[in-house]
Amino acid sequence: MSERFTDNQDGTITDTQTGLIWTREDSWLDKEQWMTWDEAADWAKNLSTGKFAGNYDWRLPTILEAKTLYDPASSNKDKYGKEIHLDSVFPEGPQAIIWCDEPGGGGDGYTLNFHDGEIKPLYKSKCPRMAARAVTGEMAK
């Protein structure tokens, strides 16, 4: 675990490098179900409605934001016990692939794979075998 991330002890993790606040658990750890892009976006929106951790603007991360979590030097374990490159401040057992939201993406969502850092476009309603990690705040410039 690096000094970069702070566990806020309220279900969130602050990235001191970017200023972003992330949910400690992804949607898989929270709900134990796969999600389409639309379901993932709704999950994040519902966190806002409930003012999770005092925040009302939870959302899916952009590609750039999501990529800040991928770190080849970090080691964690996904739900299958396989190595993923996500800081160990986040609990073990999340999905290895999360949805991203890119403005102007139309029918395509994007995914980030924590095994290899690869970003892929994917039709939003095509595949529910993904998860989400919600974010709030704006990235420091």
N, C-alpha and C. Protein backbone atom coordinates (compact mmCIF):
# COMPACT_ATOMS: atom_id res chain seq x y z
N MET A 1 0.85 -1.19 0.00
CA MET A 1 0.00 0.00 0.00
C MET A 1 0.89 1.24 0.00
N SER A 2 0.53 2.19 -0.82
CA SER A 2 1.35 3.40 -0.93
C SER A 2 0.80 4.52 -0.06
N GLU A 3 1.56 5.56 0.04
CA GLU A 3 1.12 6.75 0.77
C GLU A 3 0.18 7.60 -0.09
N ARG A 4 0.02 7.19 -1.32
CA ARG A 4 -0.78 7.97 -2.25
C ARG A 4 -2.27 7.97 -1.89
N PHE A 5 -2.76 6.87 -1.35
CA PHE A 5 -4.19 6.72 -1.08
C PHE A 5 -4.47 6.78 0.42
N THR A 6 -5.58 7.42 0.76
CA THR A 6 -6.01 7.53 2.15
C THR A 6 -7.37 6.88 2.29
N ASP A 7 -7.47 5.90 3.20
CA ASP A 7 -8.76 5.28 3.51
C ASP A 7 -9.48 6.23 4.46
N ASN A 8 -10.60 6.77 4.01
CA ASN A 8 -11.34 7.77 4.79
C ASN A 8 -12.21 7.16 5.88
N GLN A 9 -12.21 5.84 5.98
CA GLN A 9 -12.97 5.11 7.01
C GLN A 9 -14.49 5.35 6.91
N ASP A 10 -14.95 5.71 5.71
CA ASP A 10 -16.39 5.92 5.49
C ASP A 10 -16.85 5.22 4.20
N GLY A 11 -16.05 4.26 3.75
CA GLY A 11 -16.36 3.57 2.51
C GLY A 11 -15.74 4.21 1.28
N THR A 12 -14.87 5.20 1.51
CA THR A 12 -14.23 5.89 0.39
C THR A 12 -12.71 5.92 0.57
N ILE A 13 -12.04 6.11 -0.56
CA ILE A 13 -10.58 6.22 -0.61
C ILE A 13 -10.25 7.51 -1.36
N THR A 14 -9.41 8.36 -0.78
CA THR A 14 -8.98 9.58 -1.46
C THR A 14 -7.62 9.33 -2.10
N ASP A 15 -7.52 9.73 -3.37
CA ASP A 15 -6.26 9.68 -4.09
C ASP A 15 -5.60 11.03 -3.90
N THR A 16 -4.55 11.09 -3.10
CA THR A 16 -3.91 12.37 -2.80
C THR A 16 -3.17 12.94 -4.01
N GLN A 17 -2.89 12.11 -4.99
CA GLN A 17 -2.20 12.59 -6.20
C GLN A 17 -3.16 13.29 -7.16
N THR A 18 -4.36 12.74 -7.31
CA THR A 18 -5.32 13.32 -8.27
C THR A 18 -6.40 14.16 -7.61
N GLY A 19 -6.64 13.96 -6.32
CA GLY A 19 -7.72 14.66 -5.63
C GLY A 19 -9.06 13.96 -5.75
N LEU A 20 -9.13 12.87 -6.50
CA LEU A 20 -10.38 12.14 -6.67
C LEU A 20 -10.70 11.30 -5.43
N ILE A 21 -11.98 11.09 -5.18
CA ILE A 21 -12.43 10.21 -4.11
C ILE A 21 -13.15 9.04 -4.77
N TRP A 22 -12.75 7.82 -4.41
CA TRP A 22 -13.28 6.59 -4.99
C TRP A 22 -14.06 5.79 -3.95
N THR A 23 -15.03 5.01 -4.42
CA THR A 23 -15.66 4.07 -3.51
C THR A 23 -14.62 3.01 -3.15
N ARG A 24 -14.58 2.63 -1.90
CA ARG A 24 -13.62 1.63 -1.45
C ARG A 24 -13.92 0.29 -2.11
N GLU A 25 -15.20 -0.06 -2.18
CA GLU A 25 -15.63 -1.29 -2.83
C GLU A 25 -16.19 -0.98 -4.21
N ASP A 26 -15.97 -1.89 -5.15
CA ASP A 26 -16.62 -1.74 -6.45
C ASP A 26 -18.04 -2.30 -6.36
N SER A 27 -18.78 -2.21 -7.44
CA SER A 27 -20.18 -2.67 -7.43
C SER A 27 -20.28 -4.17 -7.20
N TRP A 28 -19.25 -4.94 -7.63
CA TRP A 28 -19.29 -6.39 -7.40
C TRP A 28 -19.22 -6.69 -5.91
N LEU A 29 -18.31 -6.05 -5.19
CA LEU A 29 -18.20 -6.26 -3.76
C LEU A 29 -19.45 -5.76 -3.04
N ASP A 30 -20.07 -4.72 -3.55
CA ASP A 30 -21.26 -4.14 -2.94
C ASP A 30 -22.51 -5.00 -3.19
N LYS A 31 -22.71 -5.42 -4.43
CA LYS A 31 -23.96 -6.09 -4.82
C LYS A 31 -23.81 -7.57 -5.19
N GLU A 32 -22.57 -8.01 -5.45
CA GLU A 32 -22.30 -9.36 -5.92
C GLU A 32 -23.13 -9.72 -7.15
N GLN A 33 -23.13 -8.79 -8.10
CA GLN A 33 -23.80 -9.05 -9.38
C GLN A 33 -23.07 -8.30 -10.48
N TRP A 34 -23.10 -8.89 -11.68
CA TRP A 34 -22.53 -8.26 -12.87
C TRP A 34 -23.42 -7.10 -13.27
N MET A 35 -22.86 -6.15 -13.99
CA MET A 35 -23.65 -4.99 -14.41
C MET A 35 -23.35 -4.59 -15.84
N THR A 36 -24.42 -4.21 -16.55
CA THR A 36 -24.25 -3.55 -17.84
C THR A 36 -23.80 -2.12 -17.54
N TRP A 37 -23.43 -1.38 -18.58
CA TRP A 37 -23.03 0.01 -18.38
C TRP A 37 -24.18 0.80 -17.74
N ASP A 38 -25.40 0.61 -18.24
CA ASP A 38 -26.55 1.35 -17.70
C ASP A 38 -26.78 1.03 -16.23
N GLU A 39 -26.66 -0.25 -15.86
CA GLU A 39 -26.83 -0.64 -14.46
C GLU A 39 -25.72 -0.04 -13.60
N ALA A 40 -24.50 -0.02 -14.14
CA ALA A 40 -23.37 0.56 -13.41
C ALA A 40 -23.58 2.06 -13.19
N ALA A 41 -24.05 2.76 -14.23
CA ALA A 41 -24.31 4.20 -14.10
C ALA A 41 -25.41 4.44 -13.07
N ASP A 42 -26.44 3.59 -13.07
CA ASP A 42 -27.52 3.72 -12.08
C ASP A 42 -27.00 3.46 -10.67
N TRP A 43 -26.10 2.48 -10.53
CA TRP A 43 -25.53 2.18 -9.22
C TRP A 43 -24.81 3.41 -8.67
N ALA A 44 -24.01 4.05 -9.51
CA ALA A 44 -23.29 5.26 -9.09
C ALA A 44 -24.27 6.39 -8.76
N LYS A 45 -25.30 6.54 -9.60
CA LYS A 45 -26.30 7.58 -9.37
C LYS A 45 -27.04 7.35 -8.04
N ASN A 46 -27.32 6.09 -7.72
CA ASN A 46 -27.99 5.78 -6.46
C ASN A 46 -27.13 6.11 -5.26
N LEU A 47 -25.82 6.01 -5.40
CA LEU A 47 -24.93 6.45 -4.32
C LEU A 47 -25.11 7.94 -4.06
N SER A 48 -25.30 8.70 -5.14
CA SER A 48 -25.51 10.15 -5.03
C SER A 48 -26.82 10.45 -4.34
N THR A 49 -27.86 9.75 -4.73
CA THR A 49 -29.19 9.96 -4.15
C THR A 49 -29.16 9.75 -2.64
N GLY A 50 -28.40 8.74 -2.22
CA GLY A 50 -28.28 8.46 -0.79
C GLY A 50 -27.20 9.26 -0.10
N LYS A 51 -26.56 10.19 -0.84
CA LYS A 51 -25.45 11.00 -0.31
C LYS A 51 -24.42 10.13 0.38
N PHE A 52 -23.99 9.05 -0.32
CA PHE A 52 -23.00 8.14 0.22
C PHE A 52 -21.76 8.91 0.63
N ALA A 53 -21.32 8.70 1.86
CA ALA A 53 -20.14 9.36 2.44
C ALA A 53 -20.24 10.88 2.34
N GLY A 54 -21.48 11.40 2.35
CA GLY A 54 -21.69 12.84 2.33
C GLY A 54 -21.56 13.49 0.96
N ASN A 55 -21.42 12.69 -0.09
CA ASN A 55 -21.27 13.23 -1.45
C ASN A 55 -22.52 12.96 -2.28
N TYR A 56 -22.85 13.89 -3.14
CA TYR A 56 -24.05 13.76 -3.96
C TYR A 56 -23.75 13.78 -5.46
N ASP A 57 -22.48 13.60 -5.82
CA ASP A 57 -22.14 13.64 -7.25
C ASP A 57 -21.31 12.44 -7.68
N TRP A 58 -21.67 11.25 -7.19
CA TRP A 58 -21.00 10.01 -7.60
C TRP A 58 -21.33 9.71 -9.06
N ARG A 59 -20.35 9.17 -9.76
CA ARG A 59 -20.52 8.86 -11.19
C ARG A 59 -19.50 7.81 -11.59
N LEU A 60 -19.65 7.32 -12.84
CA LEU A 60 -18.63 6.44 -13.39
C LEU A 60 -17.43 7.30 -13.79
N PRO A 61 -16.23 6.78 -13.67
CA PRO A 61 -15.05 7.57 -14.03
C PRO A 61 -14.88 7.69 -15.54
N THR A 62 -14.22 8.75 -15.96
CA THR A 62 -13.79 8.85 -17.35
C THR A 62 -12.63 7.87 -17.54
N ILE A 63 -12.24 7.67 -18.77
CA ILE A 63 -11.10 6.79 -19.06
C ILE A 63 -9.85 7.31 -18.34
N LEU A 64 -9.59 8.60 -18.46
CA LEU A 64 -8.40 9.20 -17.84
C LEU A 64 -8.41 8.99 -16.32
N GLU A 65 -9.57 9.20 -15.70
CA GLU A 65 -9.67 9.02 -14.26
C GLU A 65 -9.44 7.55 -13.88
N ALA A 66 -10.09 6.65 -14.58
CA ALA A 66 -9.95 5.22 -14.27
C ALA A 66 -8.50 4.76 -14.42
N LYS A 67 -7.83 5.26 -15.45
CA LYS A 67 -6.45 4.85 -15.69
C LYS A 67 -5.52 5.25 -14.55
N THR A 68 -5.90 6.25 -13.75
CA THR A 68 -5.05 6.65 -12.62
C THR A 68 -5.02 5.57 -11.54
N LEU A 69 -6.00 4.67 -11.52
CA LEU A 69 -6.02 3.60 -10.53
C LEU A 69 -5.14 2.41 -10.93
N TYR A 70 -4.91 2.26 -12.22
CA TYR A 70 -4.10 1.14 -12.69
C TYR A 70 -2.62 1.45 -12.44
N ASP A 71 -1.96 0.55 -11.71
CA ASP A 71 -0.55 0.75 -11.40
C ASP A 71 0.16 -0.60 -11.50
N PRO A 72 1.00 -0.78 -12.54
CA PRO A 72 1.69 -2.07 -12.72
C PRO A 72 2.53 -2.48 -11.51
N ALA A 73 2.94 -1.52 -10.68
CA ALA A 73 3.76 -1.84 -9.50
C ALA A 73 2.91 -2.29 -8.31
N SER A 74 1.59 -2.09 -8.38
CA SER A 74 0.70 -2.49 -7.29
C SER A 74 0.16 -3.89 -7.53
N SER A 75 -0.09 -4.59 -6.43
CA SER A 75 -0.62 -5.94 -6.55
C SER A 75 -1.80 -6.12 -5.60
N ASN A 76 -2.89 -6.64 -6.14
CA ASN A 76 -4.09 -6.93 -5.39
C ASN A 76 -4.65 -8.20 -6.01
N LYS A 77 -5.79 -8.69 -5.51
CA LYS A 77 -6.41 -9.90 -6.05
C LYS A 77 -7.84 -9.62 -6.46
N ASP A 78 -8.23 -10.13 -7.64
CA ASP A 78 -9.61 -9.98 -8.09
C ASP A 78 -10.49 -11.05 -7.44
N LYS A 79 -11.74 -11.12 -7.85
CA LYS A 79 -12.70 -12.05 -7.25
C LYS A 79 -12.31 -13.51 -7.45
N TYR A 80 -11.45 -13.78 -8.41
CA TYR A 80 -11.01 -15.15 -8.68
C TYR A 80 -9.64 -15.45 -8.05
N GLY A 81 -9.09 -14.48 -7.32
CA GLY A 81 -7.79 -14.66 -6.70
C GLY A 81 -6.62 -14.39 -7.64
N LYS A 82 -6.91 -13.85 -8.82
CA LYS A 82 -5.85 -13.53 -9.79
C LYS A 82 -5.31 -12.12 -9.52
N GLU A 83 -4.04 -11.92 -9.86
CA GLU A 83 -3.41 -10.63 -9.61
C GLU A 83 -4.00 -9.55 -10.51
N ILE A 84 -4.31 -8.42 -9.87
CA ILE A 84 -4.68 -7.20 -10.59
C ILE A 84 -3.78 -6.09 -10.08
N HIS A 85 -3.68 -5.03 -10.87
CA HIS A 85 -2.77 -3.93 -10.53
C HIS A 85 -3.57 -2.73 -10.02
N LEU A 86 -4.03 -2.90 -8.80
CA LEU A 86 -4.83 -1.92 -8.07
C LEU A 86 -4.25 -1.86 -6.67
N ASP A 87 -4.04 -0.67 -6.15
CA ASP A 87 -3.41 -0.51 -4.84
C ASP A 87 -4.13 -1.35 -3.78
N SER A 88 -3.35 -1.88 -2.85
CA SER A 88 -3.90 -2.75 -1.81
C SER A 88 -4.70 -2.01 -0.74
N VAL A 89 -4.79 -0.69 -0.82
CA VAL A 89 -5.69 0.04 0.07
C VAL A 89 -7.14 -0.34 -0.25
N PHE A 90 -7.38 -0.75 -1.50
CA PHE A 90 -8.69 -1.24 -1.90
C PHE A 90 -8.80 -2.71 -1.49
N PRO A 91 -9.96 -3.17 -1.02
CA PRO A 91 -10.07 -4.55 -0.57
C PRO A 91 -9.92 -5.56 -1.72
N GLU A 92 -9.45 -6.75 -1.37
CA GLU A 92 -9.36 -7.83 -2.35
C GLU A 92 -10.77 -8.28 -2.75
N GLY A 93 -10.85 -8.84 -3.98
CA GLY A 93 -12.09 -9.45 -4.42
C GLY A 93 -12.95 -8.68 -5.39
N PRO A 94 -12.48 -7.53 -5.92
CA PRO A 94 -13.32 -6.83 -6.88
C PRO A 94 -13.25 -7.49 -8.26
N GLN A 95 -14.09 -7.02 -9.15
CA GLN A 95 -14.00 -7.43 -10.54
C GLN A 95 -12.72 -6.83 -11.13
N ALA A 96 -12.14 -7.51 -12.07
CA ALA A 96 -10.92 -7.02 -12.70
C ALA A 96 -11.22 -5.97 -13.77
N ILE A 97 -12.46 -5.91 -14.25
CA ILE A 97 -12.82 -4.99 -15.33
C ILE A 97 -13.94 -4.08 -14.88
N ILE A 98 -13.71 -2.76 -15.03
CA ILE A 98 -14.73 -1.78 -14.64
C ILE A 98 -15.17 -0.95 -15.84
N TRP A 99 -16.38 -0.43 -15.75
CA TRP A 99 -16.93 0.46 -16.77
C TRP A 99 -16.39 1.87 -16.59
N CYS A 100 -16.19 2.57 -17.71
CA CYS A 100 -15.83 3.99 -17.73
C CYS A 100 -16.88 4.72 -18.54
N ASP A 101 -17.02 5.99 -18.28
CA ASP A 101 -17.95 6.83 -19.01
C ASP A 101 -17.17 7.92 -19.73
N GLU A 102 -17.32 7.96 -21.02
CA GLU A 102 -16.60 8.97 -21.80
C GLU A 102 -17.63 9.83 -22.50
N PRO A 103 -17.66 11.14 -22.22
CA PRO A 103 -18.62 12.03 -22.89
C PRO A 103 -18.54 11.88 -24.41
N GLY A 104 -19.69 11.82 -25.04
CA GLY A 104 -19.76 11.70 -26.49
C GLY A 104 -19.55 10.28 -26.98
N GLY A 105 -19.57 9.31 -26.07
CA GLY A 105 -19.35 7.92 -26.44
C GLY A 105 -20.52 7.28 -27.17
N GLY A 106 -21.69 7.93 -27.12
CA GLY A 106 -22.85 7.36 -27.80
C GLY A 106 -23.23 6.02 -27.21
N GLY A 107 -23.38 5.01 -28.06
CA GLY A 107 -23.77 3.69 -27.62
C GLY A 107 -22.63 2.89 -27.03
N ASP A 108 -21.41 3.42 -27.12
CA ASP A 108 -20.26 2.70 -26.58
C ASP A 108 -19.91 3.18 -25.19
N GLY A 109 -19.65 2.21 -24.32
CA GLY A 109 -19.03 2.47 -23.05
C GLY A 109 -17.59 2.02 -23.21
N TYR A 110 -16.82 2.18 -22.19
CA TYR A 110 -15.43 1.74 -22.23
C TYR A 110 -15.14 0.95 -20.96
N THR A 111 -14.18 0.06 -21.05
CA THR A 111 -13.81 -0.72 -19.89
C THR A 111 -12.31 -0.57 -19.63
N LEU A 112 -11.94 -0.67 -18.37
CA LEU A 112 -10.54 -0.72 -17.96
C LEU A 112 -10.32 -2.08 -17.31
N ASN A 113 -9.29 -2.77 -17.76
CA ASN A 113 -8.93 -4.08 -17.23
C ASN A 113 -7.74 -3.91 -16.29
N PHE A 114 -7.93 -4.26 -15.01
CA PHE A 114 -6.86 -4.12 -14.02
C PHE A 114 -5.79 -5.21 -14.13
N HIS A 115 -6.00 -6.19 -15.00
CA HIS A 115 -4.94 -7.19 -15.24
C HIS A 115 -3.81 -6.56 -16.06
N ASP A 116 -4.19 -5.80 -17.11
CA ASP A 116 -3.17 -5.29 -18.04
C ASP A 116 -3.28 -3.80 -18.37
N GLY A 117 -4.25 -3.11 -17.79
CA GLY A 117 -4.42 -1.68 -18.03
C GLY A 117 -5.08 -1.34 -19.35
N GLU A 118 -5.56 -2.36 -20.07
CA GLU A 118 -6.14 -2.13 -21.40
C GLU A 118 -7.52 -1.48 -21.31
N ILE A 119 -7.71 -0.49 -22.17
CA ILE A 119 -9.00 0.18 -22.32
C ILE A 119 -9.63 -0.35 -23.61
N LYS A 120 -10.92 -0.73 -23.52
CA LYS A 120 -11.61 -1.23 -24.71
C LYS A 120 -12.98 -0.59 -24.81
N PRO A 121 -13.41 -0.25 -26.04
CA PRO A 121 -14.80 0.18 -26.22
C PRO A 121 -15.69 -1.05 -26.22
N LEU A 122 -16.89 -0.88 -25.70
CA LEU A 122 -17.85 -1.98 -25.66
C LEU A 122 -19.24 -1.39 -25.68
N TYR A 123 -20.09 -1.95 -26.54
CA TYR A 123 -21.47 -1.47 -26.61
C TYR A 123 -22.08 -1.55 -25.22
N LYS A 124 -22.65 -0.45 -24.77
CA LYS A 124 -23.11 -0.32 -23.39
C LYS A 124 -24.03 -1.43 -22.91
N SER A 125 -24.91 -1.90 -23.77
CA SER A 125 -25.88 -2.90 -23.34
C SER A 125 -25.48 -4.32 -23.69
N LYS A 126 -24.30 -4.49 -24.29
CA LYS A 126 -23.91 -5.81 -24.79
C LYS A 126 -23.54 -6.80 -23.70
N CYS A 127 -22.73 -6.39 -22.76
CA CYS A 127 -22.15 -7.35 -21.84
C CYS A 127 -22.32 -6.91 -20.39
N PRO A 128 -23.00 -7.70 -19.60
CA PRO A 128 -23.16 -7.34 -18.19
C PRO A 128 -22.04 -7.86 -17.30
N ARG A 129 -21.01 -8.49 -17.84
CA ARG A 129 -20.00 -9.11 -16.99
C ARG A 129 -18.89 -8.13 -16.60
N MET A 130 -19.32 -6.99 -16.10
CA MET A 130 -18.39 -5.94 -15.68
C MET A 130 -18.86 -5.43 -14.31
N ALA A 131 -18.08 -4.54 -13.76
CA ALA A 131 -18.43 -3.89 -12.50
C ALA A 131 -18.18 -2.39 -12.64
N ALA A 132 -18.41 -1.67 -11.57
CA ALA A 132 -18.18 -0.22 -11.56
C ALA A 132 -17.46 0.15 -10.27
N ARG A 133 -16.66 1.19 -10.36
CA ARG A 133 -16.09 1.81 -9.18
C ARG A 133 -16.40 3.29 -9.33
N ALA A 134 -17.25 3.78 -8.46
CA ALA A 134 -17.71 5.17 -8.58
C ALA A 134 -16.65 6.13 -8.06
N VAL A 135 -16.71 7.34 -8.61
CA VAL A 135 -15.77 8.39 -8.27
C VAL A 135 -16.54 9.69 -8.05
N THR A 136 -15.95 10.58 -7.29
CA THR A 136 -16.50 11.91 -7.10
C THR A 136 -15.33 12.89 -7.06
N GLY A 137 -15.61 14.14 -7.38
CA GLY A 137 -14.57 15.17 -7.38
C GLY A 137 -14.03 15.41 -8.78
N GLU A 138 -13.10 16.33 -8.86
CA GLU A 138 -12.45 16.65 -10.12
C GLU A 138 -10.96 16.39 -10.01
N MET A 139 -10.40 15.90 -11.09
CA MET A 139 -8.98 15.60 -11.09
C MET A 139 -8.15 16.88 -11.02
N ALA A 140 -7.13 16.84 -10.17
CA ALA A 140 -6.22 17.98 -10.08
C ALA A 140 -5.47 18.13 -11.38
N LYS A 141 -5.26 19.34 -11.80
CA LYS A 141 -4.57 19.62 -13.07
C LYS A 141 -3.08 19.52 -12.89
